[in-house]
Amino acid sequence: MSKTSGSADQVEGEGSYTAAEEYDQAARDFVQRGKVKKAAQDAAPEDAREARELEEAEKEGLAHARSEKKG
């Protein structure tokens, strides 16, 4: 049961404090268990072609983000 169950005076939903606390705790646990290095290795591109594709996708995404800020 969550901390907010039965409490009508706490704001939850988008921007949920409970969800943010749970995420932060899970992230701390992930780091403390030493899983960051393996996860980074697993996420690394397998070859130069994949690295280029990822770089191009990142550039495209950033370009979209910049254009949305202007508009």
N, C-alpha and C. Protein backbone atom coordinates (compact mmCIF):
# COMPACT_ATOMS: atom_id res chain seq x y z
N MET A 1 0.85 -1.18 0.00
CA MET A 1 0.00 0.00 0.00
C MET A 1 0.89 1.24 0.00
N SER A 2 0.54 2.25 -0.80
CA SER A 2 1.38 3.44 -0.89
C SER A 2 1.18 4.35 0.30
N LYS A 3 2.09 5.28 0.43
CA LYS A 3 2.03 6.22 1.54
C LYS A 3 0.79 7.10 1.49
N THR A 4 0.25 7.29 0.30
CA THR A 4 -0.87 8.22 0.14
C THR A 4 -2.23 7.54 0.23
N SER A 5 -2.29 6.22 0.33
CA SER A 5 -3.56 5.52 0.38
C SER A 5 -4.38 6.02 1.57
N GLY A 6 -5.62 6.35 1.30
CA GLY A 6 -6.50 6.79 2.37
C GLY A 6 -6.34 8.24 2.75
N SER A 7 -5.46 8.95 2.11
CA SER A 7 -5.24 10.35 2.45
C SER A 7 -5.69 11.23 1.29
N ALA A 8 -6.83 11.88 1.45
CA ALA A 8 -7.39 12.68 0.38
C ALA A 8 -6.73 14.05 0.26
N ASP A 9 -5.94 14.47 1.24
CA ASP A 9 -5.36 15.81 1.21
C ASP A 9 -4.01 15.89 0.50
N GLN A 10 -3.46 14.76 0.03
CA GLN A 10 -2.19 14.79 -0.66
C GLN A 10 -2.41 14.80 -2.16
N VAL A 11 -1.67 15.64 -2.86
CA VAL A 11 -1.77 15.73 -4.31
C VAL A 11 -0.93 14.63 -4.92
N GLU A 12 -1.53 13.81 -5.75
CA GLU A 12 -0.82 12.77 -6.47
C GLU A 12 -1.34 12.78 -7.90
N GLY A 13 -0.65 12.11 -8.77
CA GLY A 13 -1.01 12.09 -10.19
C GLY A 13 0.20 12.51 -10.97
N GLU A 14 0.01 13.36 -11.97
CA GLU A 14 1.15 13.86 -12.72
C GLU A 14 1.99 14.68 -11.75
N GLY A 15 3.26 14.35 -11.63
CA GLY A 15 4.10 15.02 -10.64
C GLY A 15 4.00 14.35 -9.28
N SER A 16 3.66 13.09 -9.25
CA SER A 16 3.47 12.34 -8.02
C SER A 16 4.74 12.32 -7.18
N TYR A 17 4.63 12.79 -5.95
CA TYR A 17 5.76 12.78 -5.03
C TYR A 17 6.15 11.36 -4.67
N THR A 18 5.16 10.49 -4.50
CA THR A 18 5.42 9.11 -4.15
C THR A 18 6.20 8.42 -5.26
N ALA A 19 5.76 8.61 -6.50
CA ALA A 19 6.45 7.99 -7.63
C ALA A 19 7.88 8.51 -7.75
N ALA A 20 8.07 9.80 -7.52
CA ALA A 20 9.41 10.38 -7.59
C ALA A 20 10.32 9.78 -6.52
N GLU A 21 9.81 9.62 -5.32
CA GLU A 21 10.59 9.02 -4.24
C GLU A 21 10.95 7.57 -4.56
N GLU A 22 9.98 6.82 -5.11
CA GLU A 22 10.22 5.42 -5.45
C GLU A 22 11.27 5.31 -6.56
N TYR A 23 11.19 6.19 -7.56
CA TYR A 23 12.16 6.19 -8.64
C TYR A 23 13.56 6.51 -8.10
N ASP A 24 13.65 7.55 -7.29
CA ASP A 24 14.95 7.93 -6.72
C ASP A 24 15.56 6.79 -5.92
N GLN A 25 14.74 6.10 -5.13
CA GLN A 25 15.24 4.98 -4.33
C GLN A 25 15.71 3.84 -5.24
N ALA A 26 14.95 3.54 -6.29
CA ALA A 26 15.33 2.47 -7.21
C ALA A 26 16.63 2.83 -7.92
N ALA A 27 16.81 4.09 -8.30
CA ALA A 27 18.04 4.52 -8.95
C ALA A 27 19.23 4.39 -8.00
N ARG A 28 19.05 4.79 -6.75
CA ARG A 28 20.13 4.65 -5.76
C ARG A 28 20.48 3.17 -5.56
N ASP A 29 19.47 2.32 -5.46
CA ASP A 29 19.70 0.88 -5.29
C ASP A 29 20.47 0.30 -6.48
N PHE A 30 20.10 0.71 -7.69
CA PHE A 30 20.76 0.24 -8.90
C PHE A 30 22.24 0.59 -8.86
N VAL A 31 22.55 1.81 -8.48
CA VAL A 31 23.95 2.24 -8.41
C VAL A 31 24.68 1.49 -7.30
N GLN A 32 24.07 1.38 -6.14
CA GLN A 32 24.71 0.71 -5.01
C GLN A 32 24.98 -0.77 -5.27
N ARG A 33 24.14 -1.40 -6.10
CA ARG A 33 24.36 -2.82 -6.42
C ARG A 33 25.44 -2.99 -7.48
N GLY A 34 25.99 -1.88 -7.98
CA GLY A 34 27.10 -1.95 -8.92
C GLY A 34 26.70 -2.36 -10.33
N LYS A 35 25.50 -2.03 -10.75
CA LYS A 35 25.03 -2.47 -12.05
C LYS A 35 25.21 -1.43 -13.16
N VAL A 36 25.74 -0.27 -12.84
CA VAL A 36 25.85 0.80 -13.82
C VAL A 36 26.82 0.44 -14.94
N LYS A 37 27.99 -0.05 -14.60
CA LYS A 37 29.01 -0.36 -15.61
C LYS A 37 28.50 -1.41 -16.60
N LYS A 38 27.88 -2.47 -16.11
CA LYS A 38 27.36 -3.51 -17.00
C LYS A 38 26.25 -2.95 -17.89
N ALA A 39 25.37 -2.15 -17.33
CA ALA A 39 24.28 -1.58 -18.12
C ALA A 39 24.84 -0.67 -19.23
N ALA A 40 25.87 0.09 -18.91
CA ALA A 40 26.49 0.96 -19.91
C ALA A 40 27.14 0.12 -21.01
N GLN A 41 27.80 -0.96 -20.63
CA GLN A 41 28.42 -1.84 -21.62
C GLN A 41 27.36 -2.50 -22.50
N ASP A 42 26.26 -2.93 -21.90
CA ASP A 42 25.18 -3.56 -22.66
C ASP A 42 24.52 -2.58 -23.64
N ALA A 43 24.49 -1.30 -23.29
CA ALA A 43 23.85 -0.29 -24.12
C ALA A 43 24.78 0.28 -25.20
N ALA A 44 26.06 -0.01 -25.10
CA ALA A 44 27.03 0.53 -26.06
C ALA A 44 26.75 -0.01 -27.46
N PRO A 45 27.03 0.80 -28.49
CA PRO A 45 26.85 0.33 -29.86
C PRO A 45 27.71 -0.89 -30.13
N GLU A 46 27.18 -1.81 -30.95
CA GLU A 46 27.91 -3.04 -31.25
C GLU A 46 29.01 -2.84 -32.28
N ASP A 47 28.85 -1.84 -33.15
CA ASP A 47 29.85 -1.60 -34.19
C ASP A 47 29.80 -0.14 -34.62
N ALA A 48 30.69 0.24 -35.54
CA ALA A 48 30.79 1.63 -35.99
C ALA A 48 29.51 2.09 -36.69
N ARG A 49 28.86 1.20 -37.44
CA ARG A 49 27.62 1.56 -38.13
C ARG A 49 26.53 1.92 -37.12
N GLU A 50 26.38 1.11 -36.11
CA GLU A 50 25.37 1.40 -35.09
C GLU A 50 25.71 2.69 -34.34
N ALA A 51 26.98 2.93 -34.08
CA ALA A 51 27.40 4.16 -33.41
C ALA A 51 27.01 5.38 -34.25
N ARG A 52 27.23 5.31 -35.57
CA ARG A 52 26.85 6.42 -36.46
C ARG A 52 25.34 6.63 -36.46
N GLU A 53 24.58 5.54 -36.51
CA GLU A 53 23.12 5.65 -36.49
C GLU A 53 22.62 6.32 -35.21
N LEU A 54 23.20 5.93 -34.10
CA LEU A 54 22.81 6.52 -32.82
C LEU A 54 23.16 8.01 -32.78
N GLU A 55 24.33 8.35 -33.29
CA GLU A 55 24.76 9.75 -33.32
C GLU A 55 23.84 10.58 -34.21
N GLU A 56 23.48 10.04 -35.37
CA GLU A 56 22.57 10.75 -36.27
C GLU A 56 21.19 10.94 -35.64
N ALA A 57 20.70 9.91 -34.97
CA ALA A 57 19.40 9.99 -34.30
C ALA A 57 19.43 11.04 -33.19
N GLU A 58 20.53 11.10 -32.46
CA GLU A 58 20.66 12.10 -31.40
C GLU A 58 20.65 13.50 -31.98
N LYS A 59 21.39 13.72 -33.06
CA LYS A 59 21.42 15.04 -33.71
C LYS A 59 20.03 15.44 -34.19
N GLU A 60 19.30 14.49 -34.78
CA GLU A 60 17.96 14.78 -35.26
C GLU A 60 17.03 15.14 -34.10
N GLY A 61 17.12 14.38 -33.03
CA GLY A 61 16.30 14.66 -31.86
C GLY A 61 16.59 16.03 -31.26
N LEU A 62 17.87 16.38 -31.19
CA LEU A 62 18.25 17.69 -30.66
C LEU A 62 17.76 18.81 -31.56
N ALA A 63 17.81 18.59 -32.86
CA ALA A 63 17.32 19.61 -33.80
C ALA A 63 15.82 19.83 -33.61
N HIS A 64 15.07 18.75 -33.40
CA HIS A 64 13.64 18.88 -33.15
C HIS A 64 13.39 19.63 -31.85
N ALA A 65 14.16 19.32 -30.84
CA ALA A 65 13.98 19.98 -29.55
C ALA A 65 14.25 21.47 -29.64
N ARG A 66 15.31 21.84 -30.38
CA ARG A 66 15.63 23.26 -30.55
C ARG A 66 14.51 23.97 -31.32
N SER A 67 13.98 23.35 -32.38
CA SER A 67 12.94 23.99 -33.17
C SER A 67 11.66 24.15 -32.37
N GLU A 68 11.35 23.22 -31.47
CA GLU A 68 10.16 23.32 -30.63
C GLU A 68 10.29 24.46 -29.62
N LYS A 69 11.49 24.71 -29.12
CA LYS A 69 11.71 25.79 -28.15
C LYS A 69 11.49 27.15 -28.82
N LYS A 70 11.87 27.27 -30.09
CA LYS A 70 11.72 28.53 -30.82
C LYS A 70 10.25 28.82 -31.13
N GLY A 71 9.50 27.79 -31.45
CA GLY A 71 8.13 27.94 -31.92
C GLY A 71 7.17 28.18 -30.84
